[in-house]
PDB file of all heavy atoms in Angstrom:
ATOM      1  N   PRO A   1       0.845  -1.229  -0.070  1.00  0.00           N
ATOM      2  CA  PRO A   1      -0.024   0.041  -0.008  1.00  0.00           C
ATOM      3  C   PRO A   1       0.808   1.360  -0.037  1.00  0.00           C
ATOM      4  O   PRO A   1       0.497   2.289  -0.644  1.00  0.00           O
ATOM      5  CB  PRO A   1      -0.826  -0.052   1.288  1.00  0.00           C
ATOM      6  CG  PRO A   1      -0.854  -1.585   1.517  1.00  0.00           C
ATOM      7  CD  PRO A   1       0.429  -2.173   1.149  1.00  0.00           C
ATOM      8  N   ALA A   2       1.979   1.259   0.796  1.00  0.00           N
ATOM      9  CA  ALA A   2       2.767   2.452   0.803  1.00  0.00           C
ATOM     10  C   ALA A   2       3.402   2.673  -0.601  1.00  0.00           C
ATOM     11  O   ALA A   2       3.622   3.916  -1.088  1.00  0.00           O
ATOM     12  CB  ALA A   2       3.871   2.335   1.861  1.00  0.00           C
ATOM     13  N   ILE A   3       3.892   1.556  -1.274  1.00  0.00           N
ATOM     14  CA  ILE A   3       4.435   1.787  -2.566  1.00  0.00           C
ATOM     15  C   ILE A   3       3.450   2.208  -3.487  1.00  0.00           C
ATOM     16  O   ILE A   3       3.769   3.110  -4.479  1.00  0.00           O
ATOM     17  CB  ILE A   3       5.046   0.331  -3.070  1.00  0.00           C
ATOM     18  CG1 ILE A   3       6.181   0.005  -2.025  1.00  0.00           C
ATOM     19  CG2 ILE A   3       5.672   0.533  -4.464  1.00  0.00           C
ATOM     20  CD1 ILE A   3       6.793  -1.340  -2.261  1.00  0.00           C
ATOM     21  N   ILE A   4       2.270   1.837  -3.463  1.00  0.00           N
ATOM     22  CA  ILE A   4       1.054   2.238  -4.421  1.00  0.00           C
ATOM     23  C   ILE A   4       0.923   3.747  -4.279  1.00  0.00           C
ATOM     24  O   ILE A   4       0.641   4.356  -5.203  1.00  0.00           O
ATOM     25  CB  ILE A   4      -0.141   1.424  -4.198  1.00  0.00           C
ATOM     26  CG1 ILE A   4       0.077   0.053  -4.654  1.00  0.00           C
ATOM     27  CG2 ILE A   4      -1.366   2.010  -4.785  1.00  0.00           C
ATOM     28  CD1 ILE A   4      -1.212  -0.948  -4.334  1.00  0.00           C
ATOM     29  N   GLU A   5       1.017   4.221  -3.078  1.00  0.00           N
ATOM     30  CA  GLU A   5       0.769   5.639  -2.784  1.00  0.00           C
ATOM     31  C   GLU A   5       1.759   6.509  -3.713  1.00  0.00           C
ATOM     32  O   GLU A   5       1.494   7.468  -4.229  1.00  0.00           O
ATOM     33  CB  GLU A   5       0.967   6.017  -1.346  1.00  0.00           C
ATOM     34  CG  GLU A   5       0.542   7.348  -0.985  1.00  0.00           C
ATOM     35  CD  GLU A   5      -0.758   7.723  -1.402  1.00  0.00           C
ATOM     36  OE1 GLU A   5      -1.656   6.961  -1.465  1.00  0.00           O
ATOM     37  OE2 GLU A   5      -1.031   9.040  -1.721  1.00  0.00           O
ATOM     38  N   HIS A   6       3.036   6.069  -3.763  1.00  0.00           N
ATOM     39  CA  HIS A   6       4.038   6.622  -4.508  1.00  0.00           C
ATOM     40  C   HIS A   6       3.779   6.569  -6.021  1.00  0.00           C
ATOM     41  O   HIS A   6       4.079   7.359  -6.833  1.00  0.00           O
ATOM     42  CB  HIS A   6       5.475   6.136  -4.192  1.00  0.00           C
ATOM     43  CG  HIS A   6       5.980   6.637  -2.774  1.00  0.00           C
ATOM     44  ND1 HIS A   6       6.133   7.874  -2.570  1.00  0.00           N
ATOM     45  CD2 HIS A   6       6.279   5.803  -1.690  1.00  0.00           C
ATOM     46  CE1 HIS A   6       6.520   7.974  -1.186  1.00  0.00           C
ATOM     47  NE2 HIS A   6       6.620   6.841  -0.769  1.00  0.00           N
ATOM     48  N   LEU A   7       3.204   5.374  -6.444  1.00  0.00           N
ATOM     49  CA  LEU A   7       2.799   5.280  -7.809  1.00  0.00           C
ATOM     50  C   LEU A   7       1.739   6.321  -8.267  1.00  0.00           C
ATOM     51  O   LEU A   7       1.674   6.754  -9.260  1.00  0.00           O
ATOM     52  CB  LEU A   7       2.276   3.925  -8.004  1.00  0.00           C
ATOM     53  CG  LEU A   7       1.819   3.571  -9.477  1.00  0.00           C
ATOM     54  CD1 LEU A   7       2.931   3.681 -10.394  1.00  0.00           C
ATOM     55  CD2 LEU A   7       1.171   2.090  -9.512  1.00  0.00           C
ATOM     56  N   ARG A   8       0.930   6.657  -7.326  1.00  0.00           N
ATOM     57  CA  ARG A   8      -0.066   7.690  -7.479  1.00  0.00           C
ATOM     58  C   ARG A   8       0.404   9.112  -7.516  1.00  0.00           C
ATOM     59  O   ARG A   8      -0.102   9.999  -8.197  1.00  0.00           O
ATOM     60  CB  ARG A   8      -1.171   7.535  -6.471  1.00  0.00           C
ATOM     61  CG  ARG A   8      -1.978   6.217  -6.528  1.00  0.00           C
ATOM     62  CD  ARG A   8      -2.993   6.067  -5.406  1.00  0.00           C
ATOM     63  NE  ARG A   8      -3.677   4.901  -5.459  1.00  0.00           N
ATOM     64  CZ  ARG A   8      -4.224   4.271  -4.476  1.00  0.00           C
ATOM     65  NH1 ARG A   8      -3.965   4.624  -3.107  1.00  0.00           N
ATOM     66  NH2 ARG A   8      -4.951   3.196  -4.567  1.00  0.00           N
ATOM     67  N   THR A   9       1.444   9.349  -6.618  1.00  0.00           N
ATOM     68  CA  THR A   9       1.689  10.769  -6.366  1.00  0.00           C
ATOM     69  C   THR A   9       3.159  11.114  -6.543  1.00  0.00           C
ATOM     70  O   THR A   9       3.528  12.413  -6.669  1.00  0.00           O
ATOM     71  CB  THR A   9       1.391  11.062  -4.851  1.00  0.00           C
ATOM     72  OG1 THR A   9       2.254  10.325  -4.018  1.00  0.00           O
ATOM     73  CG2 THR A   9      -0.078  10.774  -4.522  1.00  0.00           C
ATOM     74  N   GLY A  10       4.011  10.134  -6.921  1.00  0.00           N
ATOM     75  CA  GLY A  10       5.518  10.527  -7.046  1.00  0.00           C
ATOM     76  C   GLY A  10       5.830  11.003  -8.396  1.00  0.00           C
ATOM     77  O   GLY A  10       5.049  11.127  -9.353  1.00  0.00           O
ATOM     78  N   ASP A  11       7.093  11.455  -8.497  1.00  0.00           N
ATOM     79  CA  ASP A  11       7.521  11.981  -9.761  1.00  0.00           C
ATOM     80  C   ASP A  11       7.860  10.672 -10.665  1.00  0.00           C
ATOM     81  O   ASP A  11       7.741   9.609 -10.194  1.00  0.00           O
ATOM     82  CB  ASP A  11       8.729  12.796  -9.595  1.00  0.00           C
ATOM     83  CG  ASP A  11      10.021  12.179  -8.864  1.00  0.00           C
ATOM     84  OD1 ASP A  11       9.966  11.008  -8.706  1.00  0.00           O
ATOM     85  OD2 ASP A  11      10.891  12.890  -8.543  1.00  0.00           O
ATOM     86  N   GLU A  12       8.397  10.930 -11.886  1.00  0.00           N
ATOM     87  CA  GLU A  12       8.566   9.758 -12.901  1.00  0.00           C
ATOM     88  C   GLU A  12       9.473   8.745 -12.344  1.00  0.00           C
ATOM     89  O   GLU A  12       9.040   7.534 -12.351  1.00  0.00           O
ATOM     90  CB  GLU A  12       8.973  10.390 -14.107  1.00  0.00           C
ATOM     91  CG  GLU A  12       9.086   9.281 -15.183  1.00  0.00           C
ATOM     92  CD  GLU A  12       9.783   9.784 -16.618  1.00  0.00           C
ATOM     93  OE1 GLU A  12       9.845  10.957 -16.591  1.00  0.00           O
ATOM     94  OE2 GLU A  12       9.902   8.964 -17.385  1.00  0.00           O
ATOM     95  N   PRO A  13      10.655   9.147 -11.773  1.00  0.00           N
ATOM     96  CA  PRO A  13      11.683   8.037 -11.412  1.00  0.00           C
ATOM     97  C   PRO A  13      11.005   7.291 -10.233  1.00  0.00           C
ATOM     98  O   PRO A  13      11.200   5.954 -10.101  1.00  0.00           O
ATOM     99  CB  PRO A  13      12.830   8.766 -10.907  1.00  0.00           C
ATOM    100  CG  PRO A  13      12.735  10.074 -11.660  1.00  0.00           C
ATOM    101  CD  PRO A  13      11.415  10.498 -11.773  1.00  0.00           C
ATOM    102  N   LEU A  14      10.218   7.955  -9.343  1.00  0.00           N
ATOM    103  CA  LEU A  14       9.628   7.203  -8.284  1.00  0.00           C
ATOM    104  C   LEU A  14       8.569   6.325  -8.707  1.00  0.00           C
ATOM    105  O   LEU A  14       8.422   5.177  -8.142  1.00  0.00           O
ATOM    106  CB  LEU A  14       9.080   8.232  -7.251  1.00  0.00           C
ATOM    107  CG  LEU A  14       8.683   7.705  -5.779  1.00  0.00           C
ATOM    108  CD1 LEU A  14       9.888   6.920  -5.230  1.00  0.00           C
ATOM    109  CD2 LEU A  14       8.413   8.913  -4.850  1.00  0.00           C
ATOM    110  N   ARG A  15       7.725   6.763  -9.619  1.00  0.00           N
ATOM    111  CA  ARG A  15       6.540   5.956 -10.057  1.00  0.00           C
ATOM    112  C   ARG A  15       7.229   4.835 -10.862  1.00  0.00           C
ATOM    113  O   ARG A  15       6.663   3.621 -10.739  1.00  0.00           O
ATOM    114  CB  ARG A  15       5.669   6.757 -11.068  1.00  0.00           C
ATOM    115  CG  ARG A  15       4.973   7.950 -10.351  1.00  0.00           C
ATOM    116  CD  ARG A  15       3.808   8.395 -11.162  1.00  0.00           C
ATOM    117  NE  ARG A  15       4.007   8.757 -12.497  1.00  0.00           N
ATOM    118  CZ  ARG A  15       4.544   9.915 -12.987  1.00  0.00           C
ATOM    119  NH1 ARG A  15       4.945  10.870 -12.241  1.00  0.00           N
ATOM    120  NH2 ARG A  15       4.738   9.995 -14.290  1.00  0.00           N
ATOM    121  N   LEU A  16       8.240   4.938 -11.580  1.00  0.00           N
ATOM    122  CA  LEU A  16       8.846   3.843 -12.329  1.00  0.00           C
ATOM    123  C   LEU A  16       9.449   2.785 -11.393  1.00  0.00           C
ATOM    124  O   LEU A  16       9.132   1.549 -11.522  1.00  0.00           O
ATOM    125  CB  LEU A  16       9.957   4.376 -13.220  1.00  0.00           C
ATOM    126  CG  LEU A  16      10.609   3.483 -14.220  1.00  0.00           C
ATOM    127  CD1 LEU A  16       9.547   2.823 -15.162  1.00  0.00           C
ATOM    128  CD2 LEU A  16      11.710   4.126 -14.993  1.00  0.00           C
ATOM    129  N   ALA A  17       9.989   3.304 -10.327  1.00  0.00           N
ATOM    130  CA  ALA A  17      10.523   2.430  -9.207  1.00  0.00           C
ATOM    131  C   ALA A  17       9.405   1.636  -8.548  1.00  0.00           C
ATOM    132  O   ALA A  17       9.447   0.349  -8.252  1.00  0.00           O
ATOM    133  CB  ALA A  17      11.349   3.171  -8.228  1.00  0.00           C
ATOM    134  N   ALA A  18       8.292   2.365  -8.309  1.00  0.00           N
ATOM    135  CA  ALA A  18       7.135   1.803  -7.718  1.00  0.00           C
ATOM    136  C   ALA A  18       6.604   0.640  -8.617  1.00  0.00           C
ATOM    137  O   ALA A  18       6.217  -0.522  -8.076  1.00  0.00           O
ATOM    138  CB  ALA A  18       6.063   2.814  -7.467  1.00  0.00           C
ATOM    139  N   VAL A  19       6.440   0.853  -9.895  1.00  0.00           N
ATOM    140  CA  VAL A  19       5.902  -0.152 -10.866  1.00  0.00           C
ATOM    141  C   VAL A  19       6.788  -1.427 -10.772  1.00  0.00           C
ATOM    142  O   VAL A  19       6.319  -2.595 -10.667  1.00  0.00           O
ATOM    143  CB  VAL A  19       5.803   0.421 -12.243  1.00  0.00           C
ATOM    144  CG1 VAL A  19       5.670  -0.722 -13.310  1.00  0.00           C
ATOM    145  CG2 VAL A  19       4.629   1.396 -12.391  1.00  0.00           C
ATOM    146  N   ARG A  20       7.980  -1.153 -10.932  1.00  0.00           N
ATOM    147  CA  ARG A  20       9.014  -2.461 -10.832  1.00  0.00           C
ATOM    148  C   ARG A  20       8.905  -3.198  -9.570  1.00  0.00           C
ATOM    149  O   ARG A  20       8.982  -4.346  -9.551  1.00  0.00           O
ATOM    150  CB  ARG A  20      10.455  -1.891 -11.089  1.00  0.00           C
ATOM    151  CG  ARG A  20      10.633  -1.389 -12.521  1.00  0.00           C
ATOM    152  CD  ARG A  20      11.871  -0.610 -12.702  1.00  0.00           C
ATOM    153  NE  ARG A  20      12.036  -0.307 -14.127  1.00  0.00           N
ATOM    154  CZ  ARG A  20      13.001   0.656 -14.504  1.00  0.00           C
ATOM    155  NH1 ARG A  20      13.789   1.237 -13.640  1.00  0.00           N
ATOM    156  NH2 ARG A  20      13.178   0.946 -15.790  1.00  0.00           N
ATOM    157  N   ALA A  21       8.871  -2.402  -8.497  1.00  0.00           N
ATOM    158  CA  ALA A  21       8.796  -3.161  -7.183  1.00  0.00           C
ATOM    159  C   ALA A  21       7.456  -3.819  -6.982  1.00  0.00           C
ATOM    160  O   ALA A  21       7.360  -5.022  -6.564  1.00  0.00           O
ATOM    161  CB  ALA A  21       8.858  -2.026  -6.054  1.00  0.00           C
ATOM    162  N   LEU A  22       6.270  -3.282  -7.510  1.00  0.00           N
ATOM    163  CA  LEU A  22       5.075  -3.971  -7.470  1.00  0.00           C
ATOM    164  C   LEU A  22       5.089  -5.183  -8.333  1.00  0.00           C
ATOM    165  O   LEU A  22       4.471  -6.263  -7.922  1.00  0.00           O
ATOM    166  CB  LEU A  22       4.010  -3.042  -7.865  1.00  0.00           C
ATOM    167  CG  LEU A  22       3.664  -1.769  -6.892  1.00  0.00           C
ATOM    168  CD1 LEU A  22       2.821  -0.813  -7.570  1.00  0.00           C
ATOM    169  CD2 LEU A  22       3.076  -2.263  -5.672  1.00  0.00           C
ATOM    170  N   GLY A  23       5.778  -5.152  -9.436  1.00  0.00           N
ATOM    171  CA  GLY A  23       5.869  -6.319 -10.276  1.00  0.00           C
ATOM    172  C   GLY A  23       6.631  -7.468  -9.601  1.00  0.00           C
ATOM    173  O   GLY A  23       6.224  -8.619  -9.697  1.00  0.00           O
ATOM    174  N   ASP A  24       7.704  -7.032  -8.769  1.00  0.00           N
ATOM    175  CA  ASP A  24       8.395  -8.155  -8.045  1.00  0.00           C
ATOM    176  C   ASP A  24       7.602  -8.686  -6.937  1.00  0.00           C
ATOM    177  O   ASP A  24       7.672  -9.903  -6.631  1.00  0.00           O
ATOM    178  CB  ASP A  24       9.739  -7.397  -7.486  1.00  0.00           C
ATOM    179  CG  ASP A  24      10.830  -7.256  -8.580  1.00  0.00           C
ATOM    180  OD1 ASP A  24      10.726  -7.780  -9.583  1.00  0.00           O
ATOM    181  OD2 ASP A  24      11.649  -6.333  -8.329  1.00  0.00           O
ATOM    182  N   LEU A  25       6.866  -7.802  -6.294  1.00  0.00           N
ATOM    183  CA  LEU A  25       5.992  -8.374  -5.202  1.00  0.00           C
ATOM    184  C   LEU A  25       4.794  -9.131  -5.600  1.00  0.00           C
ATOM    185  O   LEU A  25       4.476 -10.203  -5.060  1.00  0.00           O
ATOM    186  CB  LEU A  25       5.488  -7.155  -4.302  1.00  0.00           C
ATOM    187  CG  LEU A  25       6.618  -6.318  -3.566  1.00  0.00           C
ATOM    188  CD1 LEU A  25       6.239  -5.045  -3.059  1.00  0.00           C
ATOM    189  CD2 LEU A  25       7.130  -7.309  -2.436  1.00  0.00           C
ATOM    190  N   GLY A  26       4.254  -8.853  -6.710  1.00  0.00           N
ATOM    191  CA  GLY A  26       3.266  -9.649  -7.361  1.00  0.00           C
ATOM    192  C   GLY A  26       1.921  -9.995  -6.610  1.00  0.00           C
ATOM    193  O   GLY A  26       1.313 -10.953  -7.065  1.00  0.00           O
ATOM    194  N   THR A  27       1.520  -9.303  -5.597  1.00  0.00           N
ATOM    195  CA  THR A  27       0.301  -9.597  -4.909  1.00  0.00           C
ATOM    196  C   THR A  27      -0.783  -9.102  -5.887  1.00  0.00           C
ATOM    197  O   THR A  27      -0.685  -8.388  -6.697  1.00  0.00           O
ATOM    198  CB  THR A  27       0.284  -8.846  -3.580  1.00  0.00           C
ATOM    199  OG1 THR A  27       0.164  -7.386  -3.765  1.00  0.00           O
ATOM    200  CG2 THR A  27       1.464  -9.207  -2.690  1.00  0.00           C
ATOM    201  N   PRO A  28      -1.988  -9.629  -5.633  1.00  0.00           N
ATOM    202  CA  PRO A  28      -3.228  -9.204  -6.351  1.00  0.00           C
ATOM    203  C   PRO A  28      -3.404  -7.572  -6.372  1.00  0.00           C
ATOM    204  O   PRO A  28      -3.670  -6.911  -7.396  1.00  0.00           O
ATOM    205  CB  PRO A  28      -4.358  -9.870  -5.775  1.00  0.00           C
ATOM    206  CG  PRO A  28      -3.768 -11.131  -5.214  1.00  0.00           C
ATOM    207  CD  PRO A  28      -2.443 -10.688  -4.705  1.00  0.00           C
TER     208      PRO A  28
END
């Protein structure tokens, strides 16, 4: 949930990092 918040509000490098991390974590 904390990572998703950065996907919503962060700058481009942070959103990109968030997407990659969420892909690694892979929960629904």
